[in-house]
Amino acid sequence: MDELLAIARPEAKPGRRAFIDSNMAETPYRCVGGAIFALQRAGFKEVSFVAEPPPSQEK
C-alpha cells in the first residue's frame, strides 16, 4: 500500500483520473479494493475499475 501511495501521489493532479484494469480470474477482489482505497488516499477524485470476468464454468 505504501509503495502504491508513493507512486500515485505525484500523479494525482487536479482533473486526472486513475484507471484499474484487472483480470478477476487472477486478482483477488480484496486487492482491487485496496488499490482503489490507496488511489483515493493519494488524491485521485475519480477511480475507474474495469474487470474481465473469470472464465465460465459451464460444460
PDB file of N, CA and C in Angstrom:
ATOM      1  N   MET A   1       0.833  -1.188   0.000  1.00  0.00           N
ATOM      2  CA  MET A   1       0.000   0.000   0.000  1.00  0.00           C
ATOM      3  C   MET A   1       0.879   1.253   0.000  1.00  0.00           C
ATOM      4  N   ASP A   2       1.920   1.260   0.821  1.00  0.00           N
ATOM      5  CA  ASP A   2       2.793   2.432   0.898  1.00  0.00           C
ATOM      6  C   ASP A   2       3.495   2.693  -0.427  1.00  0.00           C
ATOM      7  N   GLU A   3       3.891   1.628  -1.106  1.00  0.00           N
ATOM      8  CA  GLU A   3       4.572   1.782  -2.397  1.00  0.00           C
ATOM      9  C   GLU A   3       3.624   2.386  -3.437  1.00  0.00           C
ATOM     10  N   LEU A   4       2.384   1.907  -3.464  1.00  0.00           N
ATOM     11  CA  LEU A   4       1.406   2.453  -4.407  1.00  0.00           C
ATOM     12  C   LEU A   4       1.130   3.924  -4.096  1.00  0.00           C
ATOM     13  N   LEU A   5       1.005   4.267  -2.828  1.00  0.00           N
ATOM     14  CA  LEU A   5       0.785   5.666  -2.453  1.00  0.00           C
ATOM     15  C   LEU A   5       1.946   6.549  -2.911  1.00  0.00           C
ATOM     16  N   ALA A   6       3.179   6.070  -2.724  1.00  0.00           N
ATOM     17  CA  ALA A   6       4.352   6.853  -3.121  1.00  0.00           C
ATOM     18  C   ALA A   6       4.391   7.089  -4.626  1.00  0.00           C
ATOM     19  N   ILE A   7       3.937   6.114  -5.402  1.00  0.00           N
ATOM     20  CA  ILE A   7       3.918   6.247  -6.862  1.00  0.00           C
ATOM     21  C   ILE A   7       2.746   7.121  -7.309  1.00  0.00           C
ATOM     22  N   ALA A   8       1.590   6.965  -6.665  1.00  0.00           N
ATOM     23  CA  ALA A   8       0.370   7.624  -7.120  1.00  0.00           C
ATOM     24  C   ALA A   8       0.277   9.097  -6.714  1.00  0.00           C
ATOM     25  N   ARG A   9       0.805   9.458  -5.562  1.00  0.00           N
ATOM     26  CA  ARG A   9       0.653  10.844  -5.081  1.00  0.00           C
ATOM     27  C   ARG A   9       1.142  11.889  -6.077  1.00  0.00           C
ATOM     28  N   PRO A  10       2.328  11.733  -6.673  1.00  0.00           N
ATOM     29  CA  PRO A  10       2.768  12.759  -7.632  1.00  0.00           C
ATOM     30  C   PRO A  10       1.898  12.816  -8.898  1.00  0.00           C
ATOM     31  N   GLU A  11       1.185  11.746  -9.203  1.00  0.00           N
ATOM     32  CA  GLU A  11       0.353  11.694 -10.403  1.00  0.00           C
ATOM     33  C   GLU A  11      -1.061  12.206 -10.162  1.00  0.00           C
ATOM     34  N   ALA A  12      -1.464  12.362  -8.921  1.00  0.00           N
ATOM     35  CA  ALA A  12      -2.837  12.755  -8.574  1.00  0.00           C
ATOM     36  C   ALA A  12      -2.993  14.270  -8.659  1.00  0.00           C
ATOM     37  N   LYS A  13      -2.992  14.772  -9.861  1.00  0.00           N
ATOM     38  CA  LYS A  13      -3.158  16.205 -10.105  1.00  0.00           C
ATOM     39  C   LYS A  13      -4.628  16.505 -10.366  1.00  0.00           C
ATOM     40  N   PRO A  14      -5.070  17.740 -10.153  1.00  0.00           N
ATOM     41  CA  PRO A  14      -6.480  18.080 -10.400  1.00  0.00           C
ATOM     42  C   PRO A  14      -6.910  17.705 -11.821  1.00  0.00           C
ATOM     43  N   GLY A  15      -8.053  17.061 -11.917  1.00  0.00           N
ATOM     44  CA  GLY A  15      -8.612  16.678 -13.206  1.00  0.00           C
ATOM     45  C   GLY A  15      -8.131  15.333 -13.743  1.00  0.00           C
ATOM     46  N   ARG A  16      -7.150  14.716 -13.104  1.00  0.00           N
ATOM     47  CA  ARG A  16      -6.659  13.413 -13.570  1.00  0.00           C
ATOM     48  C   ARG A  16      -7.476  12.301 -12.941  1.00  0.00           C
ATOM     49  N   ARG A  17      -7.660  11.233 -13.690  1.00  0.00           N
ATOM     50  CA  ARG A  17      -8.395  10.075 -13.208  1.00  0.00           C
ATOM     51  C   ARG A  17      -7.462   8.871 -13.182  1.00  0.00           C
ATOM     52  N   ALA A  18      -7.746   7.938 -12.311  1.00  0.00           N
ATOM     53  CA  ALA A  18      -6.986   6.690 -12.236  1.00  0.00           C
ATOM     54  C   ALA A  18      -7.850   5.573 -12.797  1.00  0.00           C
ATOM     55  N   PHE A  19      -7.227   4.653 -13.504  1.00  0.00           N
ATOM     56  CA  PHE A  19      -7.927   3.510 -14.077  1.00  0.00           C
ATOM     57  C   PHE A  19      -7.272   2.223 -13.590  1.00  0.00           C
ATOM     58  N   ILE A  20      -8.079   1.276 -13.179  1.00  0.00           N
ATOM     59  CA  ILE A  20      -7.595  -0.049 -12.785  1.00  0.00           C
ATOM     60  C   ILE A  20      -8.214  -1.040 -13.748  1.00  0.00           C
ATOM     61  N   ASP A  21      -7.377  -1.804 -14.406  1.00  0.00           N
ATOM     62  CA  ASP A  21      -7.813  -2.836 -15.346  1.00  0.00           C
ATOM     63  C   ASP A  21      -7.362  -4.168 -14.765  1.00  0.00           C
ATOM     64  N   SER A  22      -8.302  -5.063 -14.494  1.00  0.00           N
ATOM     65  CA  SER A  22      -7.974  -6.282 -13.771  1.00  0.00           C
ATOM     66  C   SER A  22      -8.551  -7.518 -14.435  1.00  0.00           C
ATOM     67  N   ASN A  23      -7.858  -8.604 -14.272  1.00  0.00           N
ATOM     68  CA  ASN A  23      -8.339  -9.918 -14.678  1.00  0.00           C
ATOM     69  C   ASN A  23      -8.808 -10.593 -13.394  1.00  0.00           C
ATOM     70  N   MET A  24     -10.112 -10.697 -13.197  1.00  0.00           N
ATOM     71  CA  MET A  24     -10.643 -11.199 -11.939  1.00  0.00           C
ATOM     72  C   MET A  24     -10.353 -12.675 -11.711  1.00  0.00           C
ATOM     73  N   ALA A  25      -9.937 -13.396 -12.745  1.00  0.00           N
ATOM     74  CA  ALA A  25      -9.569 -14.798 -12.558  1.00  0.00           C
ATOM     75  C   ALA A  25      -8.239 -14.905 -11.815  1.00  0.00           C
ATOM     76  N   GLU A  26      -7.424 -13.843 -11.858  1.00  0.00           N
ATOM     77  CA  GLU A  26      -6.100 -13.894 -11.244  1.00  0.00           C
ATOM     78  C   GLU A  26      -5.919 -12.921 -10.088  1.00  0.00           C
ATOM     79  N   THR A  27      -6.839 -11.980  -9.921  1.00  0.00           N
ATOM     80  CA  THR A  27      -6.672 -10.933  -8.911  1.00  0.00           C
ATOM     81  C   THR A  27      -7.787 -11.021  -7.877  1.00  0.00           C
ATOM     82  N   PRO A  28      -7.453 -11.248  -6.609  1.00  0.00           N
ATOM     83  CA  PRO A  28      -8.498 -11.255  -5.578  1.00  0.00           C
ATOM     84  C   PRO A  28      -9.149  -9.875  -5.468  1.00  0.00           C
ATOM     85  N   TYR A  29     -10.448  -9.867  -5.276  1.00  0.00           N
ATOM     86  CA  TYR A  29     -11.171  -8.601  -5.220  1.00  0.00           C
ATOM     87  C   TYR A  29     -10.661  -7.717  -4.089  1.00  0.00           C
ATOM     88  N   ARG A  30     -10.231  -8.320  -2.978  1.00  0.00           N
ATOM     89  CA  ARG A  30      -9.730  -7.510  -1.852  1.00  0.00           C
ATOM     90  C   ARG A  30      -8.501  -6.700  -2.270  1.00  0.00           C
ATOM     91  N   CYS A  31      -7.721  -7.221  -3.206  1.00  0.00           N
ATOM     92  CA  CYS A  31      -6.546  -6.487  -3.698  1.00  0.00           C
ATOM     93  C   CYS A  31      -6.977  -5.295  -4.550  1.00  0.00           C
ATOM     94  N   VAL A  32      -8.011  -5.490  -5.353  1.00  0.00           N
ATOM     95  CA  VAL A  32      -8.541  -4.391  -6.172  1.00  0.00           C
ATOM     96  C   VAL A  32      -9.123  -3.317  -5.254  1.00  0.00           C
ATOM     97  N   GLY A  33      -9.855  -3.740  -4.234  1.00  0.00           N
ATOM     98  CA  GLY A  33     -10.416  -2.792  -3.272  1.00  0.00           C
ATOM     99  C   GLY A  33      -9.324  -1.999  -2.567  1.00  0.00           C
ATOM    100  N   GLY A  34      -8.243  -2.664  -2.207  1.00  0.00           N
ATOM    101  CA  GLY A  34      -7.121  -1.985  -1.576  1.00  0.00           C
ATOM    102  C   GLY A  34      -6.475  -0.965  -2.502  1.00  0.00           C
ATOM    103  N   ALA A  35      -6.376  -1.310  -3.783  1.00  0.00           N
ATOM    104  CA  ALA A  35      -5.798  -0.382  -4.762  1.00  0.00           C
ATOM    105  C   ALA A  35      -6.694   0.841  -4.938  1.00  0.00           C
ATOM    106  N   ILE A  36      -8.004   0.626  -5.002  1.00  0.00           N
ATOM    107  CA  ILE A  36      -8.940   1.751  -5.120  1.00  0.00           C
ATOM    108  C   ILE A  36      -8.803   2.660  -3.901  1.00  0.00           C
ATOM    109  N   PHE A  37      -8.751   2.075  -2.724  1.00  0.00           N
ATOM    110  CA  PHE A  37      -8.613   2.843  -1.490  1.00  0.00           C
ATOM    111  C   PHE A  37      -7.307   3.648  -1.492  1.00  0.00           C
ATOM    112  N   ALA A  38      -6.209   3.021  -1.892  1.00  0.00           N
ATOM    113  CA  ALA A  38      -4.910   3.705  -1.922  1.00  0.00           C
ATOM    114  C   ALA A  38      -4.912   4.856  -2.919  1.00  0.00           C
ATOM    115  N   LEU A  39      -5.514   4.660  -4.076  1.00  0.00           N
ATOM    116  CA  LEU A  39      -5.566   5.729  -5.075  1.00  0.00           C
ATOM    117  C   LEU A  39      -6.412   6.904  -4.584  1.00  0.00           C
ATOM    118  N   GLN A  40      -7.480   6.610  -3.875  1.00  0.00           N
ATOM    119  CA  GLN A  40      -8.285   7.684  -3.296  1.00  0.00           C
ATOM    120  C   GLN A  40      -7.491   8.431  -2.232  1.00  0.00           C
ATOM    121  N   ARG A  41      -6.752   7.717  -1.404  1.00  0.00           N
ATOM    122  CA  ARG A  41      -5.902   8.359  -0.386  1.00  0.00           C
ATOM    123  C   ARG A  41      -4.807   9.187  -1.029  1.00  0.00           C
ATOM    124  N   ALA A  42      -4.334   8.768  -2.203  1.00  0.00           N
ATOM    125  CA  ALA A  42      -3.277   9.506  -2.898  1.00  0.00           C
ATOM    126  C   ALA A  42      -3.782  10.834  -3.442  1.00  0.00           C
ATOM    127  N   GLY A  43      -5.107  10.967  -3.587  1.00  0.00           N
ATOM    128  CA  GLY A  43      -5.661  12.234  -4.041  1.00  0.00           C
ATOM    129  C   GLY A  43      -6.474  12.172  -5.312  1.00  0.00           C
ATOM    130  N   PHE A  44      -6.636  10.988  -5.899  1.00  0.00           N
ATOM    131  CA  PHE A  44      -7.477  10.874  -7.087  1.00  0.00           C
ATOM    132  C   PHE A  44      -8.929  11.006  -6.672  1.00  0.00           C
ATOM    133  N   LYS A  45      -9.648  11.898  -7.349  1.00  0.00           N
ATOM    134  CA  LYS A  45     -11.064  12.099  -7.048  1.00  0.00           C
ATOM    135  C   LYS A  45     -11.937  11.092  -7.783  1.00  0.00           C
ATOM    136  N   GLU A  46     -11.427  10.553  -8.893  1.00  0.00           N
ATOM    137  CA  GLU A  46     -12.184   9.582  -9.677  1.00  0.00           C
ATOM    138  C   GLU A  46     -11.289   8.384  -9.993  1.00  0.00           C
ATOM    139  N   VAL A  47     -11.735   7.199  -9.584  1.00  0.00           N
ATOM    140  CA  VAL A  47     -11.018   5.960  -9.852  1.00  0.00           C
ATOM    141  C   VAL A  47     -11.972   5.032 -10.594  1.00  0.00           C
ATOM    142  N   SER A  48     -11.591   4.633 -11.804  1.00  0.00           N
ATOM    143  CA  SER A  48     -12.426   3.738 -12.608  1.00  0.00           C
ATOM    144  C   SER A  48     -11.864   2.326 -12.539  1.00  0.00           C
ATOM    145  N   PHE A  49     -12.759   1.362 -12.575  1.00  0.00           N
ATOM    146  CA  PHE A  49     -12.371  -0.035 -12.446  1.00  0.00           C
ATOM    147  C   PHE A  49     -13.025  -0.842 -13.557  1.00  0.00           C
ATOM    148  N   VAL A  50     -12.217  -1.583 -14.296  1.00  0.00           N
ATOM    149  CA  VAL A  50     -12.716  -2.446 -15.367  1.00  0.00           C
ATOM    150  C   VAL A  50     -12.165  -3.835 -15.106  1.00  0.00           C
ATOM    151  N   ALA A  51     -13.012  -4.843 -15.189  1.00  0.00           N
ATOM    152  CA  ALA A  51     -12.559  -6.205 -14.927  1.00  0.00           C
ATOM    153  C   ALA A  51     -13.069  -7.153 -15.990  1.00  0.00           C
ATOM    154  N   GLU A  52     -12.222  -8.071 -16.346  1.00  0.00           N
ATOM    155  CA  GLU A  52     -12.629  -9.164 -17.230  1.00  0.00           C
ATOM    156  C   GLU A  52     -13.121 -10.282 -16.328  1.00  0.00           C
ATOM    157  N   PRO A  53     -14.334 -10.780 -16.533  1.00  0.00           N
ATOM    158  CA  PRO A  53     -14.856 -11.818 -15.652  1.00  0.00           C
ATOM    159  C   PRO A  53     -14.058 -13.108 -15.795  1.00  0.00           C
ATOM    160  N   PRO A  54     -14.070 -13.936 -14.745  1.00  0.00           N
ATOM    161  CA  PRO A  54     -13.396 -15.219 -14.838  1.00  0.00           C
ATOM    162  C   PRO A  54     -14.064 -16.092 -15.905  1.00  0.00           C
ATOM    163  N   PRO A  55     -13.348 -17.065 -16.446  1.00  0.00           N
ATOM    164  CA  PRO A  55     -13.935 -17.943 -17.450  1.00  0.00           C
ATOM    165  C   PRO A  55     -15.167 -18.679 -16.905  1.00  0.00           C
ATOM    166  N   SER A  56     -16.101 -18.942 -17.780  1.00  0.00           N
ATOM    167  CA  SER A  56     -17.329 -19.643 -17.396  1.00  0.00           C
ATOM    168  C   SER A  56     -17.022 -21.077 -17.001  1.00  0.00           C
ATOM    169  N   GLN A  57     -17.739 -21.564 -15.990  1.00  0.00           N
ATOM    170  CA  GLN A  57     -17.557 -22.929 -15.510  1.00  0.00           C
ATOM    171  C   GLN A  57     -18.538 -23.898 -16.185  1.00  0.00           C
ATOM    172  N   GLU A  58     -19.344 -23.383 -17.124  1.00  0.00           N
ATOM    173  CA  GLU A  58     -20.346 -24.224 -17.789  1.00  0.00           C
ATOM    174  C   GLU A  58     -19.679 -25.268 -18.687  1.00  0.00           C
ATOM    175  N   LYS A  59     -20.345 -26.442 -18.797  1.00  0.00           N
ATOM    176  CA  LYS A  59     -19.840 -27.514 -19.676  1.00  0.00           C
ATOM    177  C   LYS A  59     -20.832 -27.832 -20.744  1.00  0.00           C
TER     178      LYS A  59
END
